[in-house]
Amino acid sequence: MKFNINRSIGWNLEYATMHITQIITDGADCYPWRETFVIWPRRTITGQRIGWQRAYKRKIWVVWGTGFHMEPHVEYATLFEILSDDGTRMA
């Protein structure tokens, strides 16, 4: 596991012990898939690395542990991954 150097020690300790239990796609400050051009390497929703190509991104909220801690995340995907996604995965 890789620690995030831009976060506090407490956040990293929670991150090391908690698992994502829910993905919120229709909450406040969320937006649907939008077409974008990915310049720097990113990981898609299936774990594939993409870079310097056209893809889609969306902003979601992920819930950690028992539902008390939420963090905003940006997800990237190709069109084929969006079409094959059934919505049951956890980020």
PDB file of N, CA and C in Angstrom:
ATOM      1  N   MET A   1       0.846  -1.180   0.000  1.00  0.00           N
ATOM      2  CA  MET A   1       0.000   0.000   0.000  1.00  0.00           C
ATOM      3  C   MET A   1       0.884   1.233   0.000  1.00  0.00           C
ATOM      4  N   LYS A   2       0.477   2.223  -0.755  1.00  0.00           N
ATOM      5  CA  LYS A   2       1.237   3.460  -0.875  1.00  0.00           C
ATOM      6  C   LYS A   2       0.554   4.559  -0.072  1.00  0.00           C
ATOM      7  N   PHE A   3       1.297   5.213   0.812  1.00  0.00           N
ATOM      8  CA  PHE A   3       0.754   6.310   1.591  1.00  0.00           C
ATOM      9  C   PHE A   3       0.712   7.581   0.761  1.00  0.00           C
ATOM     10  N   ASN A   4      -0.264   8.411   1.018  1.00  0.00           N
ATOM     11  CA  ASN A   4      -0.430   9.674   0.317  1.00  0.00           C
ATOM     12  C   ASN A   4       0.328  10.747   1.084  1.00  0.00           C
ATOM     13  N   ILE A   5       1.344  11.349   0.474  1.00  0.00           N
ATOM     14  CA  ILE A   5       2.174  12.317   1.190  1.00  0.00           C
ATOM     15  C   ILE A   5       1.492  13.672   1.341  1.00  0.00           C
ATOM     16  N   ASN A   6       0.410  13.905   0.602  1.00  0.00           N
ATOM     17  CA  ASN A   6      -0.299  15.180   0.692  1.00  0.00           C
ATOM     18  C   ASN A   6      -1.410  15.158   1.736  1.00  0.00           C
ATOM     19  N   ARG A   7      -1.539  14.100   2.483  1.00  0.00           N
ATOM     20  CA  ARG A   7      -2.583  13.953   3.490  1.00  0.00           C
ATOM     21  C   ARG A   7      -1.967  13.864   4.885  1.00  0.00           C
ATOM     22  N   SER A   8      -2.800  14.003   5.895  1.00  0.00           N
ATOM     23  CA  SER A   8      -2.328  13.945   7.274  1.00  0.00           C
ATOM     24  C   SER A   8      -2.006  12.501   7.670  1.00  0.00           C
ATOM     25  N   ILE A   9      -1.304  12.360   8.787  1.00  0.00           N
ATOM     26  CA  ILE A   9      -0.970  11.027   9.292  1.00  0.00           C
ATOM     27  C   ILE A   9      -2.239  10.271   9.672  1.00  0.00           C
ATOM     28  N   GLY A  10      -3.194  10.983  10.282  1.00  0.00           N
ATOM     29  CA  GLY A  10      -4.452  10.346  10.662  1.00  0.00           C
ATOM     30  C   GLY A  10      -5.213   9.820   9.466  1.00  0.00           C
ATOM     31  N   TRP A  11      -5.226  10.579   8.375  1.00  0.00           N
ATOM     32  CA  TRP A  11      -5.922  10.133   7.172  1.00  0.00           C
ATOM     33  C   TRP A  11      -5.259   8.877   6.625  1.00  0.00           C
ATOM     34  N   ASN A  12      -3.928   8.843   6.606  1.00  0.00           N
ATOM     35  CA  ASN A  12      -3.226   7.674   6.104  1.00  0.00           C
ATOM     36  C   ASN A  12      -3.462   6.454   6.980  1.00  0.00           C
ATOM     37  N   LEU A  13      -3.559   6.635   8.301  1.00  0.00           N
ATOM     38  CA  LEU A  13      -3.842   5.498   9.179  1.00  0.00           C
ATOM     39  C   LEU A  13      -5.249   4.958   8.947  1.00  0.00           C
ATOM     40  N   GLU A  14      -6.212   5.852   8.742  1.00  0.00           N
ATOM     41  CA  GLU A  14      -7.567   5.396   8.427  1.00  0.00           C
ATOM     42  C   GLU A  14      -7.592   4.690   7.083  1.00  0.00           C
ATOM     43  N   TYR A  15      -6.880   5.242   6.118  1.00  0.00           N
ATOM     44  CA  TYR A  15      -6.844   4.664   4.776  1.00  0.00           C
ATOM     45  C   TYR A  15      -6.263   3.259   4.799  1.00  0.00           C
ATOM     46  N   ALA A  16      -5.290   3.017   5.670  1.00  0.00           N
ATOM     47  CA  ALA A  16      -4.639   1.715   5.733  1.00  0.00           C
ATOM     48  C   ALA A  16      -5.550   0.649   6.320  1.00  0.00           C
ATOM     49  N   THR A  17      -6.524   1.047   7.144  1.00  0.00           N
ATOM     50  CA  THR A  17      -7.347   0.057   7.832  1.00  0.00           C
ATOM     51  C   THR A  17      -8.780  -0.017   7.314  1.00  0.00           C
ATOM     52  N   MET A  18      -9.228   0.945   6.529  1.00  0.00           N
ATOM     53  CA  MET A  18     -10.619   0.957   6.074  1.00  0.00           C
ATOM     54  C   MET A  18     -10.719   0.583   4.598  1.00  0.00           C
ATOM     55  N   HIS A  19     -11.854   0.043   4.254  1.00  0.00           N
ATOM     56  CA  HIS A  19     -12.129  -0.342   2.881  1.00  0.00           C
ATOM     57  C   HIS A  19     -13.316   0.462   2.374  1.00  0.00           C
ATOM     58  N   ILE A  20     -13.355   0.691   1.080  1.00  0.00           N
ATOM     59  CA  ILE A  20     -14.465   1.422   0.478  1.00  0.00           C
ATOM     60  C   ILE A  20     -15.714   0.560   0.545  1.00  0.00           C
ATOM     61  N   THR A  21     -16.777   1.103   1.139  1.00  0.00           N
ATOM     62  CA  THR A  21     -18.002   0.332   1.300  1.00  0.00           C
ATOM     63  C   THR A  21     -19.122   0.795   0.385  1.00  0.00           C
ATOM     64  N   GLN A  22     -19.022   2.010  -0.155  1.00  0.00           N
ATOM     65  CA  GLN A  22     -20.099   2.522  -0.999  1.00  0.00           C
ATOM     66  C   GLN A  22     -19.546   3.595  -1.922  1.00  0.00           C
ATOM     67  N   ILE A  23     -20.102   3.679  -3.126  1.00  0.00           N
ATOM     68  CA  ILE A  23     -19.775   4.735  -4.079  1.00  0.00           C
ATOM     69  C   ILE A  23     -21.036   5.548  -4.310  1.00  0.00           C
ATOM     70  N   ILE A  24     -20.948   6.855  -4.097  1.00  0.00           N
ATOM     71  CA  ILE A  24     -22.095   7.741  -4.294  1.00  0.00           C
ATOM     72  C   ILE A  24     -21.877   8.510  -5.595  1.00  0.00           C
ATOM     73  N   THR A  25     -22.772   8.311  -6.561  1.00  0.00           N
ATOM     74  CA  THR A  25     -22.621   8.962  -7.866  1.00  0.00           C
ATOM     75  C   THR A  25     -23.618  10.083  -8.089  1.00  0.00           C
ATOM     76  N   ASP A  26     -24.609  10.237  -7.213  1.00  0.00           N
ATOM     77  CA  ASP A  26     -25.630  11.258  -7.422  1.00  0.00           C
ATOM     78  C   ASP A  26     -25.710  12.244  -6.258  1.00  0.00           C
ATOM     79  N   GLY A  27     -24.634  12.390  -5.504  1.00  0.00           N
ATOM     80  CA  GLY A  27     -24.629  13.294  -4.371  1.00  0.00           C
ATOM     81  C   GLY A  27     -24.224  14.704  -4.764  1.00  0.00           C
ATOM     82  N   ALA A  28     -24.052  15.539  -3.755  1.00  0.00           N
ATOM     83  CA  ALA A  28     -23.623  16.913  -3.991  1.00  0.00           C
ATOM     84  C   ALA A  28     -22.212  16.923  -4.570  1.00  0.00           C
ATOM     85  N   ASP A  29     -21.973  17.797  -5.515  1.00  0.00           N
ATOM     86  CA  ASP A  29     -20.664  17.991  -6.141  1.00  0.00           C
ATOM     87  C   ASP A  29     -20.216  16.791  -6.985  1.00  0.00           C
ATOM     88  N   CYS A  30     -21.125  15.905  -7.351  1.00  0.00           N
ATOM     89  CA  CYS A  30     -20.810  14.811  -8.272  1.00  0.00           C
ATOM     90  C   CYS A  30     -21.192  15.253  -9.680  1.00  0.00           C
ATOM     91  N   TYR A  31     -20.507  14.734 -10.671  1.00  0.00           N
ATOM     92  CA  TYR A  31     -20.948  14.985 -12.033  1.00  0.00           C
ATOM     93  C   TYR A  31     -20.795  13.712 -12.867  1.00  0.00           C
ATOM     94  N   PRO A  32     -21.602  13.580 -13.912  1.00  0.00           N
ATOM     95  CA  PRO A  32     -21.589  12.349 -14.718  1.00  0.00           C
ATOM     96  C   PRO A  32     -20.340  12.274 -15.593  1.00  0.00           C
ATOM     97  N   TRP A  33     -20.252  11.204 -16.364  1.00  0.00           N
ATOM     98  CA  TRP A  33     -19.109  11.003 -17.250  1.00  0.00           C
ATOM     99  C   TRP A  33     -19.005  12.152 -18.246  1.00  0.00           C
ATOM    100  N   ARG A  34     -17.808  12.696 -18.379  1.00  0.00           N
ATOM    101  CA  ARG A  34     -17.528  13.755 -19.344  1.00  0.00           C
ATOM    102  C   ARG A  34     -16.302  13.361 -20.153  1.00  0.00           C
ATOM    103  N   GLU A  35     -16.343  13.678 -21.433  1.00  0.00           N
ATOM    104  CA  GLU A  35     -15.208  13.346 -22.290  1.00  0.00           C
ATOM    105  C   GLU A  35     -14.053  14.294 -21.996  1.00  0.00           C
ATOM    106  N   THR A  36     -12.842  13.741 -21.955  1.00  0.00           N
ATOM    107  CA  THR A  36     -11.658  14.536 -21.677  1.00  0.00           C
ATOM    108  C   THR A  36     -10.461  13.904 -22.390  1.00  0.00           C
ATOM    109  N   PHE A  37      -9.368  14.616 -22.403  1.00  0.00           N
ATOM    110  CA  PHE A  37      -8.128  14.080 -22.959  1.00  0.00           C
ATOM    111  C   PHE A  37      -7.156  13.887 -21.806  1.00  0.00           C
ATOM    112  N   VAL A  38      -6.707  12.670 -21.601  1.00  0.00           N
ATOM    113  CA  VAL A  38      -5.813  12.338 -20.487  1.00  0.00           C
ATOM    114  C   VAL A  38      -4.375  12.514 -20.954  1.00  0.00           C
ATOM    115  N   ILE A  39      -3.683  13.476 -20.348  1.00  0.00           N
ATOM    116  CA  ILE A  39      -2.289  13.727 -20.707  1.00  0.00           C
ATOM    117  C   ILE A  39      -1.356  12.876 -19.838  1.00  0.00           C
ATOM    118  N   TRP A  40      -1.497  12.967 -18.528  1.00  0.00           N
ATOM    119  CA  TRP A  40      -0.651  12.221 -17.604  1.00  0.00           C
ATOM    120  C   TRP A  40      -1.262  10.849 -17.328  1.00  0.00           C
ATOM    121  N   PRO A  41      -0.446   9.848 -17.044  1.00  0.00           N
ATOM    122  CA  PRO A  41      -0.968   8.494 -16.810  1.00  0.00           C
ATOM    123  C   PRO A  41      -1.966   8.444 -15.646  1.00  0.00           C
ATOM    124  N   ARG A  42      -3.059   7.755 -15.860  1.00  0.00           N
ATOM    125  CA  ARG A  42      -4.106   7.564 -14.849  1.00  0.00           C
ATOM    126  C   ARG A  42      -4.549   6.108 -14.884  1.00  0.00           C
ATOM    127  N   ARG A  43      -5.198   5.663 -13.818  1.00  0.00           N
ATOM    128  CA  ARG A  43      -5.778   4.316 -13.771  1.00  0.00           C
ATOM    129  C   ARG A  43      -7.272   4.417 -14.015  1.00  0.00           C
ATOM    130  N   THR A  44      -7.790   3.501 -14.805  1.00  0.00           N
ATOM    131  CA  THR A  44      -9.217   3.483 -15.110  1.00  0.00           C
ATOM    132  C   THR A  44      -9.960   2.680 -14.054  1.00  0.00           C
ATOM    133  N   ILE A  45     -11.278   2.563 -14.217  1.00  0.00           N
ATOM    134  CA  ILE A  45     -12.094   1.850 -13.233  1.00  0.00           C
ATOM    135  C   ILE A  45     -11.797   0.354 -13.213  1.00  0.00           C
ATOM    136  N   THR A  46     -11.167  -0.164 -14.254  1.00  0.00           N
ATOM    137  CA  THR A  46     -10.797  -1.581 -14.264  1.00  0.00           C
ATOM    138  C   THR A  46      -9.331  -1.796 -13.898  1.00  0.00           C
ATOM    139  N   GLY A  47      -8.599  -0.721 -13.613  1.00  0.00           N
ATOM    140  CA  GLY A  47      -7.201  -0.846 -13.226  1.00  0.00           C
ATOM    141  C   GLY A  47      -6.216  -0.685 -14.362  1.00  0.00           C
ATOM    142  N   GLN A  48      -6.693  -0.480 -15.560  1.00  0.00           N
ATOM    143  CA  GLN A  48      -5.831  -0.307 -16.723  1.00  0.00           C
ATOM    144  C   GLN A  48      -5.214   1.090 -16.697  1.00  0.00           C
ATOM    145  N   ARG A  49      -3.936   1.197 -17.087  1.00  0.00           N
ATOM    146  CA  ARG A  49      -3.284   2.502 -17.144  1.00  0.00           C
ATOM    147  C   ARG A  49      -3.511   3.126 -18.519  1.00  0.00           C
ATOM    148  N   ILE A  50      -3.910   4.406 -18.526  1.00  0.00           N
ATOM    149  CA  ILE A  50      -4.095   5.124 -19.783  1.00  0.00           C
ATOM    150  C   ILE A  50      -3.327   6.434 -19.702  1.00  0.00           C
ATOM    151  N   GLY A  51      -2.985   6.961 -20.848  1.00  0.00           N
ATOM    152  CA  GLY A  51      -2.294   8.237 -20.921  1.00  0.00           C
ATOM    153  C   GLY A  51      -2.196   8.677 -22.368  1.00  0.00           C
ATOM    154  N   TRP A  52      -2.273   9.973 -22.569  1.00  0.00           N
ATOM    155  CA  TRP A  52      -2.195  10.594 -23.877  1.00  0.00           C
ATOM    156  C   TRP A  52      -3.235  10.002 -24.841  1.00  0.00           C
ATOM    157  N   GLN A  53      -4.461   9.927 -24.352  1.00  0.00           N
ATOM    158  CA  GLN A  53      -5.566   9.454 -25.180  1.00  0.00           C
ATOM    159  C   GLN A  53      -6.885  10.018 -24.669  1.00  0.00           C
ATOM    160  N   ARG A  54      -7.911   9.897 -25.467  1.00  0.00           N
ATOM    161  CA  ARG A  54      -9.241  10.375 -25.104  1.00  0.00           C
ATOM    162  C   ARG A  54      -9.905   9.358 -24.180  1.00  0.00           C
ATOM    163  N   ALA A  55     -10.509   9.874 -23.114  1.00  0.00           N
ATOM    164  CA  ALA A  55     -11.188   9.017 -22.141  1.00  0.00           C
ATOM    165  C   ALA A  55     -12.323   9.818 -21.515  1.00  0.00           C
ATOM    166  N   TYR A  56     -12.967   9.231 -20.531  1.00  0.00           N
ATOM    167  CA  TYR A  56     -14.060   9.886 -19.819  1.00  0.00           C
ATOM    168  C   TYR A  56     -13.710   9.956 -18.341  1.00  0.00           C
ATOM    169  N   LYS A  57     -14.189  10.993 -17.663  1.00  0.00           N
ATOM    170  CA  LYS A  57     -13.968  11.099 -16.223  1.00  0.00           C
ATOM    171  C   LYS A  57     -15.236  11.566 -15.548  1.00  0.00           C
ATOM    172  N   ARG A  58     -15.355  11.242 -14.248  1.00  0.00           N
ATOM    173  CA  ARG A  58     -16.475  11.710 -13.448  1.00  0.00           C
ATOM    174  C   ARG A  58     -15.998  11.877 -12.007  1.00  0.00           C
ATOM    175  N   LYS A  59     -16.698  12.715 -11.282  1.00  0.00           N
ATOM    176  CA  LYS A  59     -16.375  12.927  -9.870  1.00  0.00           C
ATOM    177  C   LYS A  59     -17.418  12.211  -9.036  1.00  0.00           C
ATOM    178  N   ILE A  60     -16.948  11.447  -8.049  1.00  0.00           N
ATOM    179  CA  ILE A  60     -17.827  10.675  -7.177  1.00  0.00           C
ATOM    180  C   ILE A  60     -17.391  10.868  -5.732  1.00  0.00           C
ATOM    181  N   TRP A  61     -18.202  10.403  -4.806  1.00  0.00           N
ATOM    182  CA  TRP A  61     -17.851  10.333  -3.389  1.00  0.00           C
ATOM    183  C   TRP A  61     -17.727   8.870  -3.023  1.00  0.00           C
ATOM    184  N   VAL A  62     -16.677   8.515  -2.291  1.00  0.00           N
ATOM    185  CA  VAL A  62     -16.541   7.153  -1.784  1.00  0.00           C
ATOM    186  C   VAL A  62     -16.665   7.183  -0.273  1.00  0.00           C
ATOM    187  N   VAL A  63     -17.325   6.185   0.273  1.00  0.00           N
ATOM    188  CA  VAL A  63     -17.555   6.069   1.717  1.00  0.00           C
ATOM    189  C   VAL A  63     -16.603   5.007   2.244  1.00  0.00           C
ATOM    190  N   TRP A  64     -15.882   5.355   3.298  1.00  0.00           N
ATOM    191  CA  TRP A  64     -14.918   4.456   3.922  1.00  0.00           C
ATOM    192  C   TRP A  64     -15.517   3.867   5.193  1.00  0.00           C
ATOM    193  N   GLY A  65     -15.324   2.592   5.406  1.00  0.00           N
ATOM    194  CA  GLY A  65     -15.687   1.953   6.666  1.00  0.00           C
ATOM    195  C   GLY A  65     -17.178   1.944   6.943  1.00  0.00           C
ATOM    196  N   THR A  66     -17.581   2.483   8.092  1.00  0.00           N
ATOM    197  CA  THR A  66     -18.968   2.394   8.544  1.00  0.00           C
ATOM    198  C   THR A  66     -19.846   3.513   8.013  1.00  0.00           C
ATOM    199  N   GLY A  67     -19.355   4.358   7.146  1.00  0.00           N
ATOM    200  CA  GLY A  67     -20.158   5.412   6.559  1.00  0.00           C
ATOM    201  C   GLY A  67     -19.919   6.780   7.152  1.00  0.00           C
ATOM    202  N   PHE A  68     -18.978   6.891   8.087  1.00  0.00           N
ATOM    203  CA  PHE A  68     -18.711   8.173   8.722  1.00  0.00           C
ATOM    204  C   PHE A  68     -17.767   9.024   7.891  1.00  0.00           C
ATOM    205  N   HIS A  69     -16.829   8.412   7.192  1.00  0.00           N
ATOM    206  CA  HIS A  69     -15.794   9.143   6.467  1.00  0.00           C
ATOM    207  C   HIS A  69     -16.032   9.049   4.960  1.00  0.00           C
ATOM    208  N   MET A  70     -16.131  10.200   4.298  1.00  0.00           N
ATOM    209  CA  MET A  70     -16.330  10.250   2.846  1.00  0.00           C
ATOM    210  C   MET A  70     -15.236  11.110   2.215  1.00  0.00           C
ATOM    211  N   GLU A  71     -14.816  10.733   1.014  1.00  0.00           N
ATOM    212  CA  GLU A  71     -13.801  11.477   0.284  1.00  0.00           C
ATOM    213  C   GLU A  71     -14.236  11.618  -1.171  1.00  0.00           C
ATOM    214  N   PRO A  72     -13.976  12.767  -1.799  1.00  0.00           N
ATOM    215  CA  PRO A  72     -14.253  12.900  -3.234  1.00  0.00           C
ATOM    216  C   PRO A  72     -13.153  12.213  -4.048  1.00  0.00           C
ATOM    217  N   HIS A  73     -13.535  11.576  -5.125  1.00  0.00           N
ATOM    218  CA  HIS A  73     -12.593  10.919  -6.034  1.00  0.00           C
ATOM    219  C   HIS A  73     -12.991  11.222  -7.470  1.00  0.00           C
ATOM    220  N   VAL A  74     -12.003  11.193  -8.351  1.00  0.00           N
ATOM    221  CA  VAL A  74     -12.253  11.328  -9.787  1.00  0.00           C
ATOM    222  C   VAL A  74     -11.923   9.989 -10.415  1.00  0.00           C
ATOM    223  N   GLU A  75     -12.866   9.447 -11.174  1.00  0.00           N
ATOM    224  CA  GLU A  75     -12.665   8.173 -11.859  1.00  0.00           C
ATOM    225  C   GLU A  75     -12.472   8.427 -13.347  1.00  0.00           C
ATOM    226  N   TYR A  76     -11.624   7.618 -13.963  1.00  0.00           N
ATOM    227  CA  TYR A  76     -11.391   7.670 -15.396  1.00  0.00           C
ATOM    228  C   TYR A  76     -11.799   6.332 -16.003  1.00  0.00           C
ATOM    229  N   ALA A  77     -12.285   6.373 -17.247  1.00  0.00           N
ATOM    230  CA  ALA A  77     -12.679   5.136 -17.928  1.00  0.00           C
ATOM    231  C   ALA A  77     -12.686   5.366 -19.433  1.00  0.00           C
ATOM    232  N   THR A  78     -12.517   4.275 -20.169  1.00  0.00           N
ATOM    233  CA  THR A  78     -12.709   4.330 -21.616  1.00  0.00           C
ATOM    234  C   THR A  78     -14.188   4.076 -21.897  1.00  0.00           C
ATOM    235  N   LEU A  79     -14.597   4.326 -23.104  1.00  0.00           N
ATOM    236  CA  LEU A  79     -16.005   4.131 -23.455  1.00  0.00           C
ATOM    237  C   LEU A  79     -16.437   2.684 -23.270  1.00  0.00           C
ATOM    238  N   PHE A  80     -15.578   1.738 -23.626  1.00  0.00           N
ATOM    239  CA  PHE A  80     -15.921   0.320 -23.480  1.00  0.00           C
ATOM    240  C   PHE A  80     -16.060  -0.076 -22.011  1.00  0.00           C
ATOM    241  N   GLU A  81     -15.254   0.515 -21.137  1.00  0.00           N
ATOM    242  CA  GLU A  81     -15.376   0.219 -19.710  1.00  0.00           C
ATOM    243  C   GLU A  81     -16.675   0.773 -19.139  1.00  0.00           C
ATOM    244  N   ILE A  82     -17.093   1.944 -19.602  1.00  0.00           N
ATOM    245  CA  ILE A  82     -18.356   2.520 -19.133  1.00  0.00           C
ATOM    246  C   ILE A  82     -19.527   1.646 -19.568  1.00  0.00           C
ATOM    247  N   LEU A  83     -19.492   1.193 -20.809  1.00  0.00           N
ATOM    248  CA  LEU A  83     -20.586   0.364 -21.324  1.00  0.00           C
ATOM    249  C   LEU A  83     -20.659  -0.994 -20.638  1.00  0.00           C
ATOM    250  N   SER A  84     -19.527  -1.547 -20.237  1.00  0.00           N
ATOM    251  CA  SER A  84     -19.524  -2.860 -19.601  1.00  0.00           C
ATOM    252  C   SER A  84     -19.632  -2.792 -18.080  1.00  0.00           C
ATOM    253  N   ASP A  85     -19.583  -1.595 -17.491  1.00  0.00           N
ATOM    254  CA  ASP A  85     -19.668  -1.463 -16.040  1.00  0.00           C
ATOM    255  C   ASP A  85     -21.114  -1.700 -15.586  1.00  0.00           C
ATOM    256  N   ASP A  86     -21.277  -2.610 -14.619  1.00  0.00           N
ATOM    257  CA  ASP A  86     -22.624  -2.920 -14.128  1.00  0.00           C
ATOM    258  C   ASP A  86     -22.971  -2.178 -12.836  1.00  0.00           C
ATOM    259  N   GLY A  87     -22.028  -1.406 -12.298  1.00  0.00           N
ATOM    260  CA  GLY A  87     -22.304  -0.592 -11.120  1.00  0.00           C
ATOM    261  C   GLY A  87     -22.183  -1.307  -9.790  1.00  0.00           C
ATOM    262  N   THR A  88     -21.694  -2.540  -9.777  1.00  0.00           N
ATOM    263  CA  THR A  88     -21.607  -3.280  -8.527  1.00  0.00           C
ATOM    264  C   THR A  88     -20.219  -3.273  -7.932  1.00  0.00           C
ATOM    265  N   ARG A  89     -19.240  -2.728  -8.610  1.00  0.00           N
ATOM    266  CA  ARG A  89     -17.865  -2.738  -8.105  1.00  0.00           C
ATOM    267  C   ARG A  89     -17.660  -1.655  -7.054  1.00  0.00           C
ATOM    268  N   MET A  90     -16.626  -1.835  -6.259  1.00  0.00           N
ATOM    269  CA  MET A  90     -16.198  -0.811  -5.306  1.00  0.00           C
ATOM    270  C   MET A  90     -14.871  -0.270  -5.805  1.00  0.00           C
ATOM    271  N   ALA A  91     -14.707   1.045  -5.783  1.00  0.00           N
ATOM    272  CA  ALA A  91     -13.541   1.725  -6.354  1.00  0.00           C
ATOM    273  C   ALA A  91     -12.256   1.132  -5.959  1.00  0.00           C
TER     274      ALA A  91
END
